[in-house]
Amino acid sequence: MFQIDCPWCGPRDQQEFAYAGEAAIKRPENPASLSDAEWADYLFMRTNPRGRHHEQWRHVHGCGQFFDVVRDTVTYRIESVDVPGRPALGDAS
């Protein structure tokens, strides 16, 4: 178990949250022009790295908000938590 610091509610136990996938995935500009294989790649293929990873989480048993987390998938150490759309700490923008 670990704690996540919700930007709206403050620190809470990890059980209150749901992992919502990889953060900052860009939707294709013209989805109708994609082949079935390209569309499937956009929908289903994720990086799933070992180590530092940009994730989205949702506070399902709290405020219900989505937010971005930079977390190490090996140690579970959370580097930063922020509202969606803002660059994560330590990232070039």
PDB file of N, CA and C in Angstrom:
ATOM      1  N   MET A   1       0.831  -1.193   0.000  1.00  0.00           N
ATOM      2  CA  MET A   1       0.000   0.000   0.000  1.00  0.00           C
ATOM      3  C   MET A   1       0.871   1.250   0.000  1.00  0.00           C
ATOM      4  N   PHE A   2       0.343   2.277  -0.605  1.00  0.00           N
ATOM      5  CA  PHE A   2       1.013   3.564  -0.587  1.00  0.00           C
ATOM      6  C   PHE A   2      -0.050   4.656  -0.556  1.00  0.00           C
ATOM      7  N   GLN A   3       0.383   5.873  -0.297  1.00  0.00           N
ATOM      8  CA  GLN A   3      -0.539   7.000  -0.259  1.00  0.00           C
ATOM      9  C   GLN A   3      -0.374   7.831  -1.518  1.00  0.00           C
ATOM     10  N   ILE A   4      -1.478   8.413  -1.956  1.00  0.00           N
ATOM     11  CA  ILE A   4      -1.481   9.335  -3.087  1.00  0.00           C
ATOM     12  C   ILE A   4      -2.006  10.661  -2.565  1.00  0.00           C
ATOM     13  N   ASP A   5      -1.328  11.731  -2.943  1.00  0.00           N
ATOM     14  CA  ASP A   5      -1.704  13.079  -2.510  1.00  0.00           C
ATOM     15  C   ASP A   5      -2.639  13.692  -3.555  1.00  0.00           C
ATOM     16  N   CYS A   6      -3.948  13.509  -3.375  1.00  0.00           N
ATOM     17  CA  CYS A   6      -4.937  14.063  -4.298  1.00  0.00           C
ATOM     18  C   CYS A   6      -4.796  15.591  -4.322  1.00  0.00           C
ATOM     19  N   PRO A   7      -4.732  16.212  -5.518  1.00  0.00           N
ATOM     20  CA  PRO A   7      -4.609  17.673  -5.579  1.00  0.00           C
ATOM     21  C   PRO A   7      -5.778  18.413  -4.937  1.00  0.00           C
ATOM     22  N   TRP A   8      -6.936  17.765  -4.788  1.00  0.00           N
ATOM     23  CA  TRP A   8      -8.110  18.415  -4.230  1.00  0.00           C
ATOM     24  C   TRP A   8      -8.390  18.007  -2.787  1.00  0.00           C
ATOM     25  N   CYS A   9      -8.092  16.771  -2.418  1.00  0.00           N
ATOM     26  CA  CYS A   9      -8.463  16.255  -1.100  1.00  0.00           C
ATOM     27  C   CYS A   9      -7.281  16.033  -0.158  1.00  0.00           C
ATOM     28  N   GLY A  10      -6.068  16.057  -0.674  1.00  0.00           N
ATOM     29  CA  GLY A  10      -4.901  15.798   0.150  1.00  0.00           C
ATOM     30  C   GLY A  10      -4.544  14.319   0.185  1.00  0.00           C
ATOM     31  N   PRO A  11      -3.595  13.945   1.043  1.00  0.00           N
ATOM     32  CA  PRO A  11      -3.112  12.552   1.091  1.00  0.00           C
ATOM     33  C   PRO A  11      -4.210  11.572   1.506  1.00  0.00           C
ATOM     34  N   ARG A  12      -4.312  10.479   0.742  1.00  0.00           N
ATOM     35  CA  ARG A  12      -5.285   9.425   1.029  1.00  0.00           C
ATOM     36  C   ARG A  12      -4.648   8.075   0.714  1.00  0.00           C
ATOM     37  N   ASP A  13      -5.210   7.018   1.282  1.00  0.00           N
ATOM     38  CA  ASP A  13      -4.738   5.667   1.024  1.00  0.00           C
ATOM     39  C   ASP A  13      -4.991   5.297  -0.439  1.00  0.00           C
ATOM     40  N   GLN A  14      -4.097   4.556  -1.018  1.00  0.00           N
ATOM     41  CA  GLN A  14      -4.157   4.148  -2.423  1.00  0.00           C
ATOM     42  C   GLN A  14      -5.468   3.435  -2.765  1.00  0.00           C
ATOM     43  N   GLN A  15      -6.098   2.784  -1.808  1.00  0.00           N
ATOM     44  CA  GLN A  15      -7.340   2.054  -2.061  1.00  0.00           C
ATOM     45  C   GLN A  15      -8.502   2.956  -2.479  1.00  0.00           C
ATOM     46  N   GLU A  16      -8.405   4.272  -2.212  1.00  0.00           N
ATOM     47  CA  GLU A  16      -9.460   5.200  -2.602  1.00  0.00           C
ATOM     48  C   GLU A  16      -9.396   5.567  -4.077  1.00  0.00           C
ATOM     49  N   PHE A  17      -8.336   5.151  -4.778  1.00  0.00           N
ATOM     50  CA  PHE A  17      -8.082   5.597  -6.138  1.00  0.00           C
ATOM     51  C   PHE A  17      -8.150   4.443  -7.134  1.00  0.00           C
ATOM     52  N   ALA A  18      -8.368   4.796  -8.390  1.00  0.00           N
ATOM     53  CA  ALA A  18      -8.339   3.814  -9.475  1.00  0.00           C
ATOM     54  C   ALA A  18      -7.341   4.292 -10.524  1.00  0.00           C
ATOM     55  N   TYR A  19      -6.485   3.384 -10.950  1.00  0.00           N
ATOM     56  CA  TYR A  19      -5.541   3.680 -12.021  1.00  0.00           C
ATOM     57  C   TYR A  19      -6.341   3.889 -13.304  1.00  0.00           C
ATOM     58  N   ALA A  20      -6.050   4.959 -14.021  1.00  0.00           N
ATOM     59  CA  ALA A  20      -6.825   5.298 -15.223  1.00  0.00           C
ATOM     60  C   ALA A  20      -5.981   5.258 -16.489  1.00  0.00           C
ATOM     61  N   GLY A  21      -4.813   4.659 -16.425  1.00  0.00           N
ATOM     62  CA  GLY A  21      -4.018   4.477 -17.634  1.00  0.00           C
ATOM     63  C   GLY A  21      -2.871   5.458 -17.769  1.00  0.00           C
ATOM     64  N   GLU A  22      -2.195   5.314 -18.888  1.00  0.00           N
ATOM     65  CA  GLU A  22      -1.052   6.166 -19.203  1.00  0.00           C
ATOM     66  C   GLU A  22      -1.527   7.594 -19.451  1.00  0.00           C
ATOM     67  N   ALA A  23      -0.794   8.559 -18.945  1.00  0.00           N
ATOM     68  CA  ALA A  23      -1.182   9.970 -19.087  1.00  0.00           C
ATOM     69  C   ALA A  23      -0.694  10.547 -20.403  1.00  0.00           C
ATOM     70  N   ALA A  24      -1.362  11.592 -20.841  1.00  0.00           N
ATOM     71  CA  ALA A  24      -0.952  12.422 -21.983  1.00  0.00           C
ATOM     72  C   ALA A  24      -0.907  11.665 -23.308  1.00  0.00           C
ATOM     73  N   ILE A  25      -1.819  10.737 -23.516  1.00  0.00           N
ATOM     74  CA  ILE A  25      -1.907  10.069 -24.816  1.00  0.00           C
ATOM     75  C   ILE A  25      -2.669  11.001 -25.751  1.00  0.00           C
ATOM     76  N   LYS A  26      -2.064  11.315 -26.872  1.00  0.00           N
ATOM     77  CA  LYS A  26      -2.660  12.265 -27.810  1.00  0.00           C
ATOM     78  C   LYS A  26      -3.584  11.534 -28.792  1.00  0.00           C
ATOM     79  N   ARG A  27      -4.811  12.022 -28.889  1.00  0.00           N
ATOM     80  CA  ARG A  27      -5.783  11.462 -29.831  1.00  0.00           C
ATOM     81  C   ARG A  27      -5.346  11.808 -31.254  1.00  0.00           C
ATOM     82  N   PRO A  28      -5.499  10.887 -32.202  1.00  0.00           N
ATOM     83  CA  PRO A  28      -5.143  11.189 -33.587  1.00  0.00           C
ATOM     84  C   PRO A  28      -5.952  12.369 -34.116  1.00  0.00           C
ATOM     85  N   GLU A  29      -5.306  13.227 -34.927  1.00  0.00           N
ATOM     86  CA  GLU A  29      -5.990  14.418 -35.445  1.00  0.00           C
ATOM     87  C   GLU A  29      -7.141  14.053 -36.376  1.00  0.00           C
ATOM     88  N   ASN A  30      -6.962  13.008 -37.166  1.00  0.00           N
ATOM     89  CA  ASN A  30      -8.011  12.594 -38.089  1.00  0.00           C
ATOM     90  C   ASN A  30      -8.246  11.091 -37.935  1.00  0.00           C
ATOM     91  N   PRO A  31      -9.006  10.675 -36.924  1.00  0.00           N
ATOM     92  CA  PRO A  31      -9.179   9.252 -36.654  1.00  0.00           C
ATOM     93  C   PRO A  31      -9.813   8.479 -37.811  1.00  0.00           C
ATOM     94  N   ALA A  32     -10.631   9.134 -38.619  1.00  0.00           N
ATOM     95  CA  ALA A  32     -11.288   8.449 -39.729  1.00  0.00           C
ATOM     96  C   ALA A  32     -10.291   7.993 -40.791  1.00  0.00           C
ATOM     97  N   SER A  33      -9.110   8.611 -40.827  1.00  0.00           N
ATOM     98  CA  SER A  33      -8.119   8.244 -41.835  1.00  0.00           C
ATOM     99  C   SER A  33      -7.229   7.075 -41.397  1.00  0.00           C
ATOM    100  N   LEU A  34      -7.372   6.628 -40.163  1.00  0.00           N
ATOM    101  CA  LEU A  34      -6.521   5.547 -39.668  1.00  0.00           C
ATOM    102  C   LEU A  34      -6.996   4.183 -40.163  1.00  0.00           C
ATOM    103  N   SER A  35      -6.038   3.312 -40.406  1.00  0.00           N
ATOM    104  CA  SER A  35      -6.378   1.926 -40.720  1.00  0.00           C
ATOM    105  C   SER A  35      -6.838   1.242 -39.429  1.00  0.00           C
ATOM    106  N   ASP A  36      -7.410   0.062 -39.559  1.00  0.00           N
ATOM    107  CA  ASP A  36      -7.827  -0.680 -38.368  1.00  0.00           C
ATOM    108  C   ASP A  36      -6.634  -0.965 -37.457  1.00  0.00           C
ATOM    109  N   ALA A  37      -5.487  -1.304 -38.055  1.00  0.00           N
ATOM    110  CA  ALA A  37      -4.287  -1.597 -37.262  1.00  0.00           C
ATOM    111  C   ALA A  37      -3.790  -0.339 -36.537  1.00  0.00           C
ATOM    112  N   GLU A  38      -3.823   0.807 -37.211  1.00  0.00           N
ATOM    113  CA  GLU A  38      -3.393   2.060 -36.569  1.00  0.00           C
ATOM    114  C   GLU A  38      -4.350   2.449 -35.446  1.00  0.00           C
ATOM    115  N   TRP A  39      -5.651   2.264 -35.663  1.00  0.00           N
ATOM    116  CA  TRP A  39      -6.644   2.588 -34.631  1.00  0.00           C
ATOM    117  C   TRP A  39      -6.471   1.667 -33.424  1.00  0.00           C
ATOM    118  N   ALA A  40      -6.262   0.380 -33.675  1.00  0.00           N
ATOM    119  CA  ALA A  40      -6.033  -0.569 -32.583  1.00  0.00           C
ATOM    120  C   ALA A  40      -4.774  -0.209 -31.812  1.00  0.00           C
ATOM    121  N   ASP A  41      -3.731   0.217 -32.519  1.00  0.00           N
ATOM    122  CA  ASP A  41      -2.491   0.632 -31.861  1.00  0.00           C
ATOM    123  C   ASP A  41      -2.749   1.820 -30.935  1.00  0.00           C
ATOM    124  N   TYR A  42      -3.516   2.812 -31.399  1.00  0.00           N
ATOM    125  CA  TYR A  42      -3.845   3.973 -30.567  1.00  0.00           C
ATOM    126  C   TYR A  42      -4.663   3.551 -29.341  1.00  0.00           C
ATOM    127  N   LEU A  43      -5.642   2.687 -29.523  1.00  0.00           N
ATOM    128  CA  LEU A  43      -6.534   2.304 -28.425  1.00  0.00           C
ATOM    129  C   LEU A  43      -5.891   1.399 -27.385  1.00  0.00           C
ATOM    130  N   PHE A  44      -5.063   0.463 -27.822  1.00  0.00           N
ATOM    131  CA  PHE A  44      -4.644  -0.609 -26.928  1.00  0.00           C
ATOM    132  C   PHE A  44      -3.171  -0.665 -26.565  1.00  0.00           C
ATOM    133  N   MET A  45      -2.295  -0.115 -27.373  1.00  0.00           N
ATOM    134  CA  MET A  45      -0.866  -0.267 -27.121  1.00  0.00           C
ATOM    135  C   MET A  45      -0.360   0.849 -26.199  1.00  0.00           C
ATOM    136  N   ARG A  46       0.244   0.463 -25.103  1.00  0.00           N
ATOM    137  CA  ARG A  46       0.797   1.403 -24.133  1.00  0.00           C
ATOM    138  C   ARG A  46       2.234   1.020 -23.855  1.00  0.00           C
ATOM    139  N   THR A  47       3.004   1.972 -23.311  1.00  0.00           N
ATOM    140  CA  THR A  47       4.428   1.741 -23.130  1.00  0.00           C
ATOM    141  C   THR A  47       4.742   0.786 -21.987  1.00  0.00           C
ATOM    142  N   ASN A  48       3.998   0.840 -20.886  1.00  0.00           N
ATOM    143  CA  ASN A  48       4.191  -0.042 -19.733  1.00  0.00           C
ATOM    144  C   ASN A  48       5.665  -0.149 -19.315  1.00  0.00           C
ATOM    145  N   PRO A  49       6.291   0.990 -19.009  1.00  0.00           N
ATOM    146  CA  PRO A  49       7.717   0.965 -18.700  1.00  0.00           C
ATOM    147  C   PRO A  49       8.030   0.437 -17.304  1.00  0.00           C
ATOM    148  N   ARG A  50       9.239   0.004 -17.163  1.00  0.00           N
ATOM    149  CA  ARG A  50       9.766  -0.351 -15.844  1.00  0.00           C
ATOM    150  C   ARG A  50      10.501   0.900 -15.363  1.00  0.00           C
ATOM    151  N   GLY A  51      10.037   1.486 -14.270  1.00  0.00           N
ATOM    152  CA  GLY A  51      10.654   2.708 -13.756  1.00  0.00           C
ATOM    153  C   GLY A  51       9.697   3.881 -13.840  1.00  0.00           C
ATOM    154  N   ARG A  52      10.224   5.043 -14.150  1.00  0.00           N
ATOM    155  CA  ARG A  52       9.454   6.297 -14.157  1.00  0.00           C
ATOM    156  C   ARG A  52       8.353   6.252 -15.211  1.00  0.00           C
ATOM    157  N   HIS A  53       7.123   6.573 -14.783  1.00  0.00           N
ATOM    158  CA  HIS A  53       5.974   6.458 -15.676  1.00  0.00           C
ATOM    159  C   HIS A  53       4.975   7.573 -15.386  1.00  0.00           C
ATOM    160  N   HIS A  54       4.414   8.161 -16.438  1.00  0.00           N
ATOM    161  CA  HIS A  54       3.385   9.198 -16.319  1.00  0.00           C
ATOM    162  C   HIS A  54       2.026   8.510 -16.396  1.00  0.00           C
ATOM    163  N   GLU A  55       1.245   8.657 -15.328  1.00  0.00           N
ATOM    164  CA  GLU A  55      -0.025   7.942 -15.207  1.00  0.00           C
ATOM    165  C   GLU A  55      -1.174   8.900 -14.914  1.00  0.00           C
ATOM    166  N   GLN A  56      -2.393   8.431 -15.177  1.00  0.00           N
ATOM    167  CA  GLN A  56      -3.592   9.122 -14.729  1.00  0.00           C
ATOM    168  C   GLN A  56      -4.225   8.271 -13.640  1.00  0.00           C
ATOM    169  N   TRP A  57      -4.732   8.935 -12.618  1.00  0.00           N
ATOM    170  CA  TRP A  57      -5.466   8.267 -11.543  1.00  0.00           C
ATOM    171  C   TRP A  57      -6.766   9.017 -11.328  1.00  0.00           C
ATOM    172  N   ARG A  58      -7.750   8.338 -10.742  1.00  0.00           N
ATOM    173  CA  ARG A  58      -9.022   8.965 -10.396  1.00  0.00           C
ATOM    174  C   ARG A  58      -9.334   8.678  -8.939  1.00  0.00           C
ATOM    175  N   HIS A  59      -9.748   9.709  -8.229  1.00  0.00           N
ATOM    176  CA  HIS A  59     -10.105   9.566  -6.812  1.00  0.00           C
ATOM    177  C   HIS A  59     -11.564   9.104  -6.734  1.00  0.00           C
ATOM    178  N   VAL A  60     -11.794   7.816  -6.953  1.00  0.00           N
ATOM    179  CA  VAL A  60     -13.157   7.281  -7.057  1.00  0.00           C
ATOM    180  C   VAL A  60     -13.919   7.320  -5.736  1.00  0.00           C
ATOM    181  N   HIS A  61     -13.239   7.146  -4.613  1.00  0.00           N
ATOM    182  CA  HIS A  61     -13.919   7.166  -3.310  1.00  0.00           C
ATOM    183  C   HIS A  61     -13.658   8.492  -2.599  1.00  0.00           C
ATOM    184  N   GLY A  62     -13.670   9.551  -3.376  1.00  0.00           N
ATOM    185  CA  GLY A  62     -13.442  10.898  -2.854  1.00  0.00           C
ATOM    186  C   GLY A  62     -14.094  11.894  -3.792  1.00  0.00           C
ATOM    187  N   CYS A  63     -13.308  12.822  -4.306  1.00  0.00           N
ATOM    188  CA  CYS A  63     -13.834  13.907  -5.132  1.00  0.00           C
ATOM    189  C   CYS A  63     -14.201  13.484  -6.553  1.00  0.00           C
ATOM    190  N   GLY A  64     -13.720  12.315  -7.010  1.00  0.00           N
ATOM    191  CA  GLY A  64     -14.041  11.840  -8.352  1.00  0.00           C
ATOM    192  C   GLY A  64     -13.188  12.439  -9.456  1.00  0.00           C
ATOM    193  N   GLN A  65     -12.250  13.299  -9.101  1.00  0.00           N
ATOM    194  CA  GLN A  65     -11.416  13.987 -10.087  1.00  0.00           C
ATOM    195  C   GLN A  65     -10.311  13.084 -10.642  1.00  0.00           C
ATOM    196  N   PHE A  66      -9.949  13.340 -11.899  1.00  0.00           N
ATOM    197  CA  PHE A  66      -8.780  12.716 -12.515  1.00  0.00           C
ATOM    198  C   PHE A  66      -7.584  13.623 -12.299  1.00  0.00           C
ATOM    199  N   PHE A  67      -6.394  13.034 -12.170  1.00  0.00           N
ATOM    200  CA  PHE A  67      -5.174  13.820 -12.029  1.00  0.00           C
ATOM    201  C   PHE A  67      -3.995  13.007 -12.517  1.00  0.00           C
ATOM    202  N   ASP A  68      -2.885  13.697 -12.768  1.00  0.00           N
ATOM    203  CA  ASP A  68      -1.677  13.068 -13.299  1.00  0.00           C
ATOM    204  C   ASP A  68      -0.686  12.757 -12.187  1.00  0.00           C
ATOM    205  N   VAL A  69      -0.021  11.630 -12.320  1.00  0.00           N
ATOM    206  CA  VAL A  69       0.975  11.185 -11.349  1.00  0.00           C
ATOM    207  C   VAL A  69       2.220  10.743 -12.110  1.00  0.00           C
ATOM    208  N   VAL A  70       3.385  11.134 -11.622  1.00  0.00           N
ATOM    209  CA  VAL A  70       4.644  10.563 -12.107  1.00  0.00           C
ATOM    210  C   VAL A  70       5.106   9.626 -11.008  1.00  0.00           C
ATOM    211  N   ARG A  71       5.195   8.314 -11.351  1.00  0.00           N
ATOM    212  CA  ARG A  71       5.456   7.293 -10.342  1.00  0.00           C
ATOM    213  C   ARG A  71       6.467   6.291 -10.875  1.00  0.00           C
ATOM    214  N   ASP A  72       7.296   5.787  -9.985  1.00  0.00           N
ATOM    215  CA  ASP A  72       8.235   4.729 -10.335  1.00  0.00           C
ATOM    216  C   ASP A  72       7.502   3.399 -10.175  1.00  0.00           C
ATOM    217  N   THR A  73       7.387   2.645 -11.258  1.00  0.00           N
ATOM    218  CA  THR A  73       6.621   1.400 -11.214  1.00  0.00           C
ATOM    219  C   THR A  73       7.361   0.270 -10.503  1.00  0.00           C
ATOM    220  N   VAL A  74       8.633   0.458 -10.196  1.00  0.00           N
ATOM    221  CA  VAL A  74       9.397  -0.559  -9.466  1.00  0.00           C
ATOM    222  C   VAL A  74       9.296  -0.320  -7.968  1.00  0.00           C
ATOM    223  N   THR A  75       9.529   0.932  -7.548  1.00  0.00           N
ATOM    224  CA  THR A  75       9.549   1.255  -6.123  1.00  0.00           C
ATOM    225  C   THR A  75       8.211   1.799  -5.610  1.00  0.00           C
ATOM    226  N   TYR A  76       7.314   2.152  -6.518  1.00  0.00           N
ATOM    227  CA  TYR A  76       6.028   2.789  -6.220  1.00  0.00           C
ATOM    228  C   TYR A  76       6.178   4.214  -5.690  1.00  0.00           C
ATOM    229  N   ARG A  77       7.400   4.747  -5.660  1.00  0.00           N
ATOM    230  CA  ARG A  77       7.620   6.108  -5.180  1.00  0.00           C
ATOM    231  C   ARG A  77       6.970   7.105  -6.133  1.00  0.00           C
ATOM    232  N   ILE A  78       6.162   8.007  -5.576  1.00  0.00           N
ATOM    233  CA  ILE A  78       5.499   9.033  -6.371  1.00  0.00           C
ATOM    234  C   ILE A  78       6.383  10.268  -6.389  1.00  0.00           C
ATOM    235  N   GLU A  79       6.737  10.691  -7.593  1.00  0.00           N
ATOM    236  CA  GLU A  79       7.603  11.854  -7.775  1.00  0.00           C
ATOM    237  C   GLU A  79       6.793  13.147  -7.793  1.00  0.00           C
ATOM    238  N   SER A  80       5.637  13.130  -8.464  1.00  0.00           N
ATOM    239  CA  SER A  80       4.813  14.338  -8.518  1.00  0.00           C
ATOM    240  C   SER A  80       3.361  13.973  -8.785  1.00  0.00           C
ATOM    241  N   VAL A  81       2.472  14.870  -8.350  1.00  0.00           N
ATOM    242  CA  VAL A  81       1.039  14.762  -8.584  1.00  0.00           C
ATOM    243  C   VAL A  81       0.579  16.130  -9.050  1.00  0.00           C
ATOM    244  N   ASP A  82      -0.223  16.170 -10.114  1.00  0.00           N
ATOM    245  CA  ASP A  82      -0.656  17.454 -10.637  1.00  0.00           C
ATOM    246  C   ASP A  82      -1.992  17.302 -11.358  1.00  0.00           C
ATOM    247  N   VAL A  83      -2.649  18.425 -11.584  1.00  0.00           N
ATOM    248  CA  VAL A  83      -3.907  18.410 -12.339  1.00  0.00           C
ATOM    249  C   VAL A  83      -3.582  18.121 -13.807  1.00  0.00           C
ATOM    250  N   PRO A  84      -4.505  17.496 -14.550  1.00  0.00           N
ATOM    251  CA  PRO A  84      -4.234  17.154 -15.945  1.00  0.00           C
ATOM    252  C   PRO A  84      -3.944  18.385 -16.807  1.00  0.00           C
ATOM    253  N   GLY A  85      -3.069  18.189 -17.779  1.00  0.00           N
ATOM    254  CA  GLY A  85      -2.775  19.252 -18.729  1.00  0.00           C
ATOM    255  C   GLY A  85      -1.546  20.076 -18.423  1.00  0.00           C
ATOM    256  N   ARG A  86      -1.090  20.063 -17.194  1.00  0.00           N
ATOM    257  CA  ARG A  86       0.130  20.807 -16.861  1.00  0.00           C
ATOM    258  C   ARG A  86       1.325  19.872 -16.962  1.00  0.00           C
ATOM    259  N   PRO A  87       2.479  20.357 -17.446  1.00  0.00           N
ATOM    260  CA  PRO A  87       3.648  19.492 -17.516  1.00  0.00           C
ATOM    261  C   PRO A  87       4.049  19.012 -16.123  1.00  0.00           C
ATOM    262  N   ALA A  88       4.449  17.757 -16.026  1.00  0.00           N
ATOM    263  CA  ALA A  88       4.878  17.203 -14.749  1.00  0.00           C
ATOM    264  C   ALA A  88       6.198  17.812 -14.331  1.00  0.00           C
ATOM    265  N   LEU A  89       6.471  17.798 -13.035  1.00  0.00           N
ATOM    266  CA  LEU A  89       7.715  18.334 -12.517  1.00  0.00           C
ATOM    267  C   LEU A  89       8.903  17.625 -13.160  1.00  0.00           C
ATOM    268  N   GLY A  90       9.895  18.388 -13.551  1.00  0.00           N
ATOM    269  CA  GLY A  90      11.098  17.801 -14.126  1.00  0.00           C
ATOM    270  C   GLY A  90      11.010  17.561 -15.626  1.00  0.00           C
ATOM    271  N   ASP A  91       9.858  17.824 -16.244  1.00  0.00           N
ATOM    272  CA  ASP A  91       9.724  17.628 -17.683  1.00  0.00           C
ATOM    273  C   ASP A  91       9.989  18.942 -18.414  1.00  0.00           C
ATOM    274  N   ALA A  92      10.599  18.849 -19.570  1.00  0.00           N
ATOM    275  CA  ALA A  92      10.817  20.030 -20.404  1.00  0.00           C
ATOM    276  C   ALA A  92       9.473  20.413 -21.023  1.00  0.00           C
ATOM    277  N   SER A  93       9.207  21.709 -21.091  1.00  0.00           N
ATOM    278  CA  SER A  93       7.958  22.140 -21.711  1.00  0.00           C
ATOM    279  C   SER A  93       8.189  23.275 -22.671  1.00  0.00           C
TER     280      SER A  93
END
